[in-house]
Amino acid sequence: MATLEQSRIEEALGALPLSPDASLNGWVALAEWRAPNGDIEITLIGSPDAHVVQVKGYLHEGLFDIARGVYRVAGGHLEDVRFAQGS
């Protein structure tokens, strides 16, 4: 069962399909937080039905896609060229 946070993330991602007929099958979100004392912490959350191996696979494929050039640097940020081509 999805947590409220997972539901909100899934809703936000689902509103940005790669193409009009695409459906969201799974996702992973990675965030960096700075505590008031200055410590940095990383949090990770994945699709509610995703097995830990799937989550690791999403991260691996995302990093591999950076190396393959699926993403480009635009203004110091990564931009998915598949979205850019569709707009």
PDB file of N, CA and C in Angstrom:
ATOM      1  N   MET A   1       0.841  -1.185   0.000  1.00  0.00           N
ATOM      2  CA  MET A   1       0.000   0.000   0.000  1.00  0.00           C
ATOM      3  C   MET A   1       0.885   1.246   0.000  1.00  0.00           C
ATOM      4  N   ALA A   2       0.518   2.200  -0.806  1.00  0.00           N
ATOM      5  CA  ALA A   2       1.298   3.425  -0.954  1.00  0.00           C
ATOM      6  C   ALA A   2       1.110   4.345   0.250  1.00  0.00           C
ATOM      7  N   THR A   3       2.212   4.989   0.641  1.00  0.00           N
ATOM      8  CA  THR A   3       2.125   6.023   1.658  1.00  0.00           C
ATOM      9  C   THR A   3       1.598   7.298   0.999  1.00  0.00           C
ATOM     10  N   LEU A   4       1.222   8.262   1.792  1.00  0.00           N
ATOM     11  CA  LEU A   4       0.752   9.537   1.257  1.00  0.00           C
ATOM     12  C   LEU A   4       1.848  10.175   0.393  1.00  0.00           C
ATOM     13  N   GLU A   5       3.088  10.093   0.865  1.00  0.00           N
ATOM     14  CA  GLU A   5       4.209  10.665   0.123  1.00  0.00           C
ATOM     15  C   GLU A   5       4.377   9.987  -1.234  1.00  0.00           C
ATOM     16  N   GLN A   6       4.319   8.655  -1.238  1.00  0.00           N
ATOM     17  CA  GLN A   6       4.445   7.914  -2.496  1.00  0.00           C
ATOM     18  C   GLN A   6       3.315   8.274  -3.455  1.00  0.00           C
ATOM     19  N   SER A   7       2.114   8.400  -2.941  1.00  0.00           N
ATOM     20  CA  SER A   7       0.970   8.764  -3.785  1.00  0.00           C
ATOM     21  C   SER A   7       1.161  10.138  -4.407  1.00  0.00           C
ATOM     22  N   ARG A   8       1.673  11.083  -3.630  1.00  0.00           N
ATOM     23  CA  ARG A   8       1.888  12.437  -4.141  1.00  0.00           C
ATOM     24  C   ARG A   8       2.976  12.463  -5.214  1.00  0.00           C
ATOM     25  N   ILE A   9       4.052  11.715  -4.979  1.00  0.00           N
ATOM     26  CA  ILE A   9       5.127  11.654  -5.969  1.00  0.00           C
ATOM     27  C   ILE A   9       4.618  10.999  -7.248  1.00  0.00           C
ATOM     28  N   GLU A  10       3.894   9.905  -7.096  1.00  0.00           N
ATOM     29  CA  GLU A  10       3.365   9.204  -8.271  1.00  0.00           C
ATOM     30  C   GLU A  10       2.416  10.099  -9.070  1.00  0.00           C
ATOM     31  N   GLU A  11       1.602  10.863  -8.388  1.00  0.00           N
ATOM     32  CA  GLU A  11       0.680  11.781  -9.060  1.00  0.00           C
ATOM     33  C   GLU A  11       1.456  12.853  -9.833  1.00  0.00           C
ATOM     34  N   ALA A  12       2.496  13.405  -9.203  1.00  0.00           N
ATOM     35  CA  ALA A  12       3.296  14.444  -9.869  1.00  0.00           C
ATOM     36  C   ALA A  12       4.021  13.886 -11.092  1.00  0.00           C
ATOM     37  N   LEU A  13       4.628  12.717 -10.956  1.00  0.00           N
ATOM     38  CA  LEU A  13       5.334  12.115 -12.091  1.00  0.00           C
ATOM     39  C   LEU A  13       4.368  11.696 -13.192  1.00  0.00           C
ATOM     40  N   GLY A  14       3.229  11.187 -12.813  1.00  0.00           N
ATOM     41  CA  GLY A  14       2.233  10.762 -13.793  1.00  0.00           C
ATOM     42  C   GLY A  14       1.706  11.912 -14.633  1.00  0.00           C
ATOM     43  N   ALA A  15       1.830  13.132 -14.127  1.00  0.00           N
ATOM     44  CA  ALA A  15       1.372  14.308 -14.869  1.00  0.00           C
ATOM     45  C   ALA A  15       2.393  14.748 -15.920  1.00  0.00           C
ATOM     46  N   LEU A  16       3.557  14.086 -15.964  1.00  0.00           N
ATOM     47  CA  LEU A  16       4.621  14.445 -16.912  1.00  0.00           C
ATOM     48  C   LEU A  16       5.018  13.249 -17.762  1.00  0.00           C
ATOM     49  N   PRO A  17       4.107  12.680 -18.530  1.00  0.00           N
ATOM     50  CA  PRO A  17       4.443  11.480 -19.299  1.00  0.00           C
ATOM     51  C   PRO A  17       5.492  11.769 -20.367  1.00  0.00           C
ATOM     52  N   LEU A  18       6.311  10.756 -20.641  1.00  0.00           N
ATOM     53  CA  LEU A  18       7.344  10.870 -21.673  1.00  0.00           C
ATOM     54  C   LEU A  18       6.716  11.078 -23.043  1.00  0.00           C
ATOM     55  N   SER A  19       5.548  10.483 -23.264  1.00  0.00           N
ATOM     56  CA  SER A  19       4.772  10.691 -24.482  1.00  0.00           C
ATOM     57  C   SER A  19       3.300  10.588 -24.086  1.00  0.00           C
ATOM     58  N   PRO A  20       2.390  11.099 -24.933  1.00  0.00           N
ATOM     59  CA  PRO A  20       0.974  11.123 -24.560  1.00  0.00           C
ATOM     60  C   PRO A  20       0.383   9.772 -24.183  1.00  0.00           C
ATOM     61  N   ASP A  21       0.861   8.686 -24.777  1.00  0.00           N
ATOM     62  CA  ASP A  21       0.284   7.374 -24.497  1.00  0.00           C
ATOM     63  C   ASP A  21       1.103   6.556 -23.497  1.00  0.00           C
ATOM     64  N   ALA A  22       2.099   7.166 -22.875  1.00  0.00           N
ATOM     65  CA  ALA A  22       2.956   6.451 -21.914  1.00  0.00           C
ATOM     66  C   ALA A  22       2.261   6.333 -20.558  1.00  0.00           C
ATOM     67  N   SER A  23       2.569   5.247 -19.852  1.00  0.00           N
ATOM     68  CA  SER A  23       2.058   5.078 -18.491  1.00  0.00           C
ATOM     69  C   SER A  23       3.240   4.893 -17.537  1.00  0.00           C
ATOM     70  N   LEU A  24       3.086   5.370 -16.344  1.00  0.00           N
ATOM     71  CA  LEU A  24       4.135   5.294 -15.329  1.00  0.00           C
ATOM     72  C   LEU A  24       4.129   3.901 -14.716  1.00  0.00           C
ATOM     73  N   ASN A  25       5.236   3.171 -14.880  1.00  0.00           N
ATOM     74  CA  ASN A  25       5.343   1.812 -14.338  1.00  0.00           C
ATOM     75  C   ASN A  25       6.081   1.753 -13.016  1.00  0.00           C
ATOM     76  N   GLY A  26       6.976   2.663 -12.781  1.00  0.00           N
ATOM     77  CA  GLY A  26       7.743   2.667 -11.554  1.00  0.00           C
ATOM     78  C   GLY A  26       8.614   3.903 -11.490  1.00  0.00           C
ATOM     79  N   TRP A  27       9.127   4.194 -10.298  1.00  0.00           N
ATOM     80  CA  TRP A  27       9.931   5.388 -10.124  1.00  0.00           C
ATOM     81  C   TRP A  27      10.769   5.274  -8.863  1.00  0.00           C
ATOM     82  N   VAL A  28      11.744   6.153  -8.764  1.00  0.00           N
ATOM     83  CA  VAL A  28      12.564   6.289  -7.566  1.00  0.00           C
ATOM     84  C   VAL A  28      12.891   7.774  -7.407  1.00  0.00           C
ATOM     85  N   ALA A  29      12.891   8.250  -6.189  1.00  0.00           N
ATOM     86  CA  ALA A  29      13.246   9.645  -5.906  1.00  0.00           C
ATOM     87  C   ALA A  29      14.371   9.652  -4.873  1.00  0.00           C
ATOM     88  N   LEU A  30      15.340  10.484  -5.129  1.00  0.00           N
ATOM     89  CA  LEU A  30      16.508  10.627  -4.266  1.00  0.00           C
ATOM     90  C   LEU A  30      16.593  12.102  -3.901  1.00  0.00           C
ATOM     91  N   ALA A  31      16.738  12.406  -2.622  1.00  0.00           N
ATOM     92  CA  ALA A  31      16.762  13.798  -2.190  1.00  0.00           C
ATOM     93  C   ALA A  31      17.894  14.030  -1.191  1.00  0.00           C
ATOM     94  N   GLU A  32      18.457  15.215  -1.251  1.00  0.00           N
ATOM     95  CA  GLU A  32      19.486  15.628  -0.291  1.00  0.00           C
ATOM     96  C   GLU A  32      18.882  16.664   0.638  1.00  0.00           C
ATOM     97  N   TRP A  33      19.095  16.467   1.913  1.00  0.00           N
ATOM     98  CA  TRP A  33      18.570  17.374   2.932  1.00  0.00           C
ATOM     99  C   TRP A  33      19.721  17.922   3.763  1.00  0.00           C
ATOM    100  N   ARG A  34      19.626  19.179   4.146  1.00  0.00           N
ATOM    101  CA  ARG A  34      20.606  19.770   5.049  1.00  0.00           C
ATOM    102  C   ARG A  34      19.904  20.028   6.381  1.00  0.00           C
ATOM    103  N   ALA A  35      20.431  19.409   7.423  1.00  0.00           N
ATOM    104  CA  ALA A  35      19.879  19.584   8.771  1.00  0.00           C
ATOM    105  C   ALA A  35      20.294  20.967   9.310  1.00  0.00           C
ATOM    106  N   PRO A  36      19.590  21.462  10.313  1.00  0.00           N
ATOM    107  CA  PRO A  36      19.949  22.760  10.893  1.00  0.00           C
ATOM    108  C   PRO A  36      21.405  22.827  11.374  1.00  0.00           C
ATOM    109  N   ASN A  37      21.954  21.683  11.765  1.00  0.00           N
ATOM    110  CA  ASN A  37      23.347  21.671  12.230  1.00  0.00           C
ATOM    111  C   ASN A  37      24.351  21.594  11.078  1.00  0.00           C
ATOM    112  N   GLY A  38      23.846  21.563   9.833  1.00  0.00           N
ATOM    113  CA  GLY A  38      24.708  21.539   8.661  1.00  0.00           C
ATOM    114  C   GLY A  38      24.967  20.154   8.093  1.00  0.00           C
ATOM    115  N   ASP A  39      24.573  19.108   8.826  1.00  0.00           N
ATOM    116  CA  ASP A  39      24.769  17.752   8.320  1.00  0.00           C
ATOM    117  C   ASP A  39      23.915  17.531   7.073  1.00  0.00           C
ATOM    118  N   ILE A  40      24.471  16.750   6.147  1.00  0.00           N
ATOM    119  CA  ILE A  40      23.760  16.401   4.918  1.00  0.00           C
ATOM    120  C   ILE A  40      23.269  14.969   5.037  1.00  0.00           C
ATOM    121  N   GLU A  41      22.008  14.748   4.651  1.00  0.00           N
ATOM    122  CA  GLU A  41      21.453  13.404   4.637  1.00  0.00           C
ATOM    123  C   GLU A  41      20.775  13.161   3.296  1.00  0.00           C
ATOM    124  N   ILE A  42      20.864  11.928   2.837  1.00  0.00           N
ATOM    125  CA  ILE A  42      20.236  11.519   1.582  1.00  0.00           C
ATOM    126  C   ILE A  42      19.075  10.594   1.921  1.00  0.00           C
ATOM    127  N   THR A  43      17.934  10.829   1.290  1.00  0.00           N
ATOM    128  CA  THR A  43      16.794   9.935   1.466  1.00  0.00           C
ATOM    129  C   THR A  43      16.408   9.361   0.106  1.00  0.00           C
ATOM    130  N   LEU A  44      15.833   8.180   0.147  1.00  0.00           N
ATOM    131  CA  LEU A  44      15.451   7.458  -1.061  1.00  0.00           C
ATOM    132  C   LEU A  44      14.060   6.878  -0.848  1.00  0.00           C
ATOM    133  N   ILE A  45      13.206   7.055  -1.844  1.00  0.00           N
ATOM    134  CA  ILE A  45      11.866   6.483  -1.786  1.00  0.00           C
ATOM    135  C   ILE A  45      11.540   5.959  -3.185  1.00  0.00           C
ATOM    136  N   GLY A  46      10.826   4.861  -3.231  1.00  0.00           N
ATOM    137  CA  GLY A  46      10.509   4.260  -4.523  1.00  0.00           C
ATOM    138  C   GLY A  46       9.038   3.940  -4.655  1.00  0.00           C
ATOM    139  N   SER A  47       8.674   3.480  -5.840  1.00  0.00           N
ATOM    140  CA  SER A  47       7.302   3.065  -6.115  1.00  0.00           C
ATOM    141  C   SER A  47       6.812   2.123  -5.022  1.00  0.00           C
ATOM    142  N   PRO A  48       5.553   2.231  -4.643  1.00  0.00           N
ATOM    143  CA  PRO A  48       5.041   1.403  -3.563  1.00  0.00           C
ATOM    144  C   PRO A  48       5.131  -0.101  -3.824  1.00  0.00           C
ATOM    145  N   ASP A  49       4.999  -0.519  -5.069  1.00  0.00           N
ATOM    146  CA  ASP A  49       5.037  -1.944  -5.383  1.00  0.00           C
ATOM    147  C   ASP A  49       6.406  -2.429  -5.845  1.00  0.00           C
ATOM    148  N   ALA A  50       7.378  -1.528  -5.891  1.00  0.00           N
ATOM    149  CA  ALA A  50       8.704  -1.882  -6.408  1.00  0.00           C
ATOM    150  C   ALA A  50       9.517  -2.647  -5.370  1.00  0.00           C
ATOM    151  N   HIS A  51      10.130  -3.725  -5.814  1.00  0.00           N
ATOM    152  CA  HIS A  51      11.055  -4.492  -4.990  1.00  0.00           C
ATOM    153  C   HIS A  51      12.363  -3.711  -4.926  1.00  0.00           C
ATOM    154  N   VAL A  52      13.134  -3.916  -3.891  1.00  0.00           N
ATOM    155  CA  VAL A  52      14.395  -3.194  -3.730  1.00  0.00           C
ATOM    156  C   VAL A  52      15.311  -3.381  -4.941  1.00  0.00           C
ATOM    157  N   VAL A  53      15.250  -4.534  -5.585  1.00  0.00           N
ATOM    158  CA  VAL A  53      16.073  -4.773  -6.773  1.00  0.00           C
ATOM    159  C   VAL A  53      15.627  -3.854  -7.918  1.00  0.00           C
ATOM    160  N   GLN A  54      14.313  -3.634  -8.049  1.00  0.00           N
ATOM    161  CA  GLN A  54      13.820  -2.710  -9.071  1.00  0.00           C
ATOM    162  C   GLN A  54      14.304  -1.294  -8.800  1.00  0.00           C
ATOM    163  N   VAL A  55      14.231  -0.862  -7.548  1.00  0.00           N
ATOM    164  CA  VAL A  55      14.676   0.488  -7.183  1.00  0.00           C
ATOM    165  C   VAL A  55      16.152   0.654  -7.523  1.00  0.00           C
ATOM    166  N   LYS A  56      16.972  -0.332  -7.180  1.00  0.00           N
ATOM    167  CA  LYS A  56      18.395  -0.279  -7.525  1.00  0.00           C
ATOM    168  C   LYS A  56      18.570  -0.242  -9.037  1.00  0.00           C
ATOM    169  N   GLY A  57      17.747  -0.986  -9.759  1.00  0.00           N
ATOM    170  CA  GLY A  57      17.815  -0.992 -11.216  1.00  0.00           C
ATOM    171  C   GLY A  57      17.478   0.363 -11.816  1.00  0.00           C
ATOM    172  N   TYR A  58      16.458   1.042 -11.259  1.00  0.00           N
ATOM    173  CA  TYR A  58      16.114   2.378 -11.744  1.00  0.00           C
ATOM    174  C   TYR A  58      17.293   3.326 -11.571  1.00  0.00           C
ATOM    175  N   LEU A  59      17.939   3.252 -10.413  1.00  0.00           N
ATOM    176  CA  LEU A  59      19.092   4.125 -10.162  1.00  0.00           C
ATOM    177  C   LEU A  59      20.237   3.790 -11.118  1.00  0.00           C
ATOM    178  N   HIS A  60      20.500   2.512 -11.315  1.00  0.00           N
ATOM    179  CA  HIS A  60      21.564   2.086 -12.222  1.00  0.00           C
ATOM    180  C   HIS A  60      21.284   2.564 -13.642  1.00  0.00           C
ATOM    181  N   GLU A  61      20.055   2.343 -14.121  1.00  0.00           N
ATOM    182  CA  GLU A  61      19.707   2.748 -15.483  1.00  0.00           C
ATOM    183  C   GLU A  61      19.779   4.261 -15.645  1.00  0.00           C
ATOM    184  N   GLY A  62      19.371   4.996 -14.620  1.00  0.00           N
ATOM    185  CA  GLY A  62      19.452   6.453 -14.691  1.00  0.00           C
ATOM    186  C   GLY A  62      20.886   6.930 -14.829  1.00  0.00           C
ATOM    187  N   LEU A  63      21.790   6.355 -14.044  1.00  0.00           N
ATOM    188  CA  LEU A  63      23.204   6.725 -14.151  1.00  0.00           C
ATOM    189  C   LEU A  63      23.776   6.305 -15.499  1.00  0.00           C
ATOM    190  N   PHE A  64      23.391   5.129 -15.966  1.00  0.00           N
ATOM    191  CA  PHE A  64      23.860   4.645 -17.262  1.00  0.00           C
ATOM    192  C   PHE A  64      23.354   5.558 -18.381  1.00  0.00           C
ATOM    193  N   ASP A  65      22.105   6.015 -18.271  1.00  0.00           N
ATOM    194  CA  ASP A  65      21.554   6.917 -19.277  1.00  0.00           C
ATOM    195  C   ASP A  65      22.310   8.240 -19.328  1.00  0.00           C
ATOM    196  N   ILE A  66      22.795   8.718 -18.180  1.00  0.00           N
ATOM    197  CA  ILE A  66      23.617   9.931 -18.173  1.00  0.00           C
ATOM    198  C   ILE A  66      24.869   9.683 -19.007  1.00  0.00           C
ATOM    199  N   ALA A  67      25.503   8.537 -18.793  1.00  0.00           N
ATOM    200  CA  ALA A  67      26.720   8.202 -19.530  1.00  0.00           C
ATOM    201  C   ALA A  67      26.443   8.027 -21.018  1.00  0.00           C
ATOM    202  N   ARG A  68      25.262   7.500 -21.381  1.00  0.00           N
ATOM    203  CA  ARG A  68      24.916   7.273 -22.787  1.00  0.00           C
ATOM    204  C   ARG A  68      24.475   8.541 -23.497  1.00  0.00           C
ATOM    205  N   GLY A  69      24.261   9.605 -22.761  1.00  0.00           N
ATOM    206  CA  GLY A  69      23.854  10.862 -23.386  1.00  0.00           C
ATOM    207  C   GLY A  69      22.358  11.040 -23.530  1.00  0.00           C
ATOM    208  N   VAL A  70      21.571  10.255 -22.803  1.00  0.00           N
ATOM    209  CA  VAL A  70      20.115  10.440 -22.830  1.00  0.00           C
ATOM    210  C   VAL A  70      19.764  11.775 -22.181  1.00  0.00           C
ATOM    211  N   TYR A  71      20.626  12.209 -21.273  1.00  0.00           N
ATOM    212  CA  TYR A  71      20.450  13.509 -20.627  1.00  0.00           C
ATOM    213  C   TYR A  71      21.527  14.447 -21.127  1.00  0.00           C
ATOM    214  N   ARG A  72      21.211  15.717 -21.199  1.00  0.00           N
ATOM    215  CA  ARG A  72      22.225  16.714 -21.539  1.00  0.00           C
ATOM    216  C   ARG A  72      22.252  17.751 -20.426  1.00  0.00           C
ATOM    217  N   VAL A  73      23.349  18.457 -20.344  1.00  0.00           N
ATOM    218  CA  VAL A  73      23.471  19.510 -19.349  1.00  0.00           C
ATOM    219  C   VAL A  73      22.909  20.786 -19.953  1.00  0.00           C
ATOM    220  N   ALA A  74      21.958  21.357 -19.269  1.00  0.00           N
ATOM    221  CA  ALA A  74      21.332  22.603 -19.712  1.00  0.00           C
ATOM    222  C   ALA A  74      21.342  23.571 -18.533  1.00  0.00           C
ATOM    223  N   GLY A  75      22.178  24.577 -18.614  1.00  0.00           N
ATOM    224  CA  GLY A  75      22.256  25.554 -17.520  1.00  0.00           C
ATOM    225  C   GLY A  75      22.739  24.951 -16.222  1.00  0.00           C
ATOM    226  N   GLY A  76      23.606  23.949 -16.310  1.00  0.00           N
ATOM    227  CA  GLY A  76      24.128  23.308 -15.109  1.00  0.00           C
ATOM    228  C   GLY A  76      23.220  22.234 -14.546  1.00  0.00           C
ATOM    229  N   HIS A  77      22.117  21.937 -15.220  1.00  0.00           N
ATOM    230  CA  HIS A  77      21.164  20.931 -14.769  1.00  0.00           C
ATOM    231  C   HIS A  77      21.012  19.855 -15.841  1.00  0.00           C
ATOM    232  N   LEU A  78      20.627  18.664 -15.406  1.00  0.00           N
ATOM    233  CA  LEU A  78      20.375  17.592 -16.365  1.00  0.00           C
ATOM    234  C   LEU A  78      18.992  17.761 -16.968  1.00  0.00           C
ATOM    235  N   GLU A  79      18.920  17.566 -18.266  1.00  0.00           N
ATOM    236  CA  GLU A  79      17.648  17.656 -18.977  1.00  0.00           C
ATOM    237  C   GLU A  79      17.499  16.393 -19.811  1.00  0.00           C
ATOM    238  N   ASP A  80      16.366  15.751 -19.717  1.00  0.00           N
ATOM    239  CA  ASP A  80      16.102  14.532 -20.477  1.00  0.00           C
ATOM    240  C   ASP A  80      15.825  14.922 -21.922  1.00  0.00           C
ATOM    241  N   VAL A  81      16.667  14.500 -22.850  1.00  0.00           N
ATOM    242  CA  VAL A  81      16.513  14.898 -24.245  1.00  0.00           C
ATOM    243  C   VAL A  81      15.230  14.338 -24.849  1.00  0.00           C
ATOM    244  N   ARG A  82      14.702  13.259 -24.291  1.00  0.00           N
ATOM    245  CA  ARG A  82      13.444  12.710 -24.819  1.00  0.00           C
ATOM    246  C   ARG A  82      12.295  13.679 -24.585  1.00  0.00           C
ATOM    247  N   PHE A  83      12.311  14.398 -23.445  1.00  0.00           N
ATOM    248  CA  PHE A  83      11.286  15.416 -23.202  1.00  0.00           C
ATOM    249  C   PHE A  83      11.502  16.610 -24.120  1.00  0.00           C
ATOM    250  N   ALA A  84      12.752  16.993 -24.300  1.00  0.00           N
ATOM    251  CA  ALA A  84      13.069  18.146 -25.146  1.00  0.00           C
ATOM    252  C   ALA A  84      12.643  17.898 -26.591  1.00  0.00           C
ATOM    253  N   GLN A  85      12.794  16.660 -27.050  1.00  0.00           N
ATOM    254  CA  GLN A  85      12.421  16.334 -28.428  1.00  0.00           C
ATOM    255  C   GLN A  85      10.914  16.383 -28.611  1.00  0.00           C
ATOM    256  N   GLY A  86      10.171  16.069 -27.564  1.00  0.00           N
ATOM    257  CA  GLY A  86       8.713  16.047 -27.666  1.00  0.00           C
ATOM    258  C   GLY A  86       8.077  17.402 -27.576  1.00  0.00           C
ATOM    259  N   SER A  87       8.852  18.417 -27.139  1.00  0.00           N
ATOM    260  CA  SER A  87       8.249  19.753 -26.979  1.00  0.00           C
ATOM    261  C   SER A  87       8.490  20.639 -28.162  1.00  0.00           C
TER     262      SER A  87
END
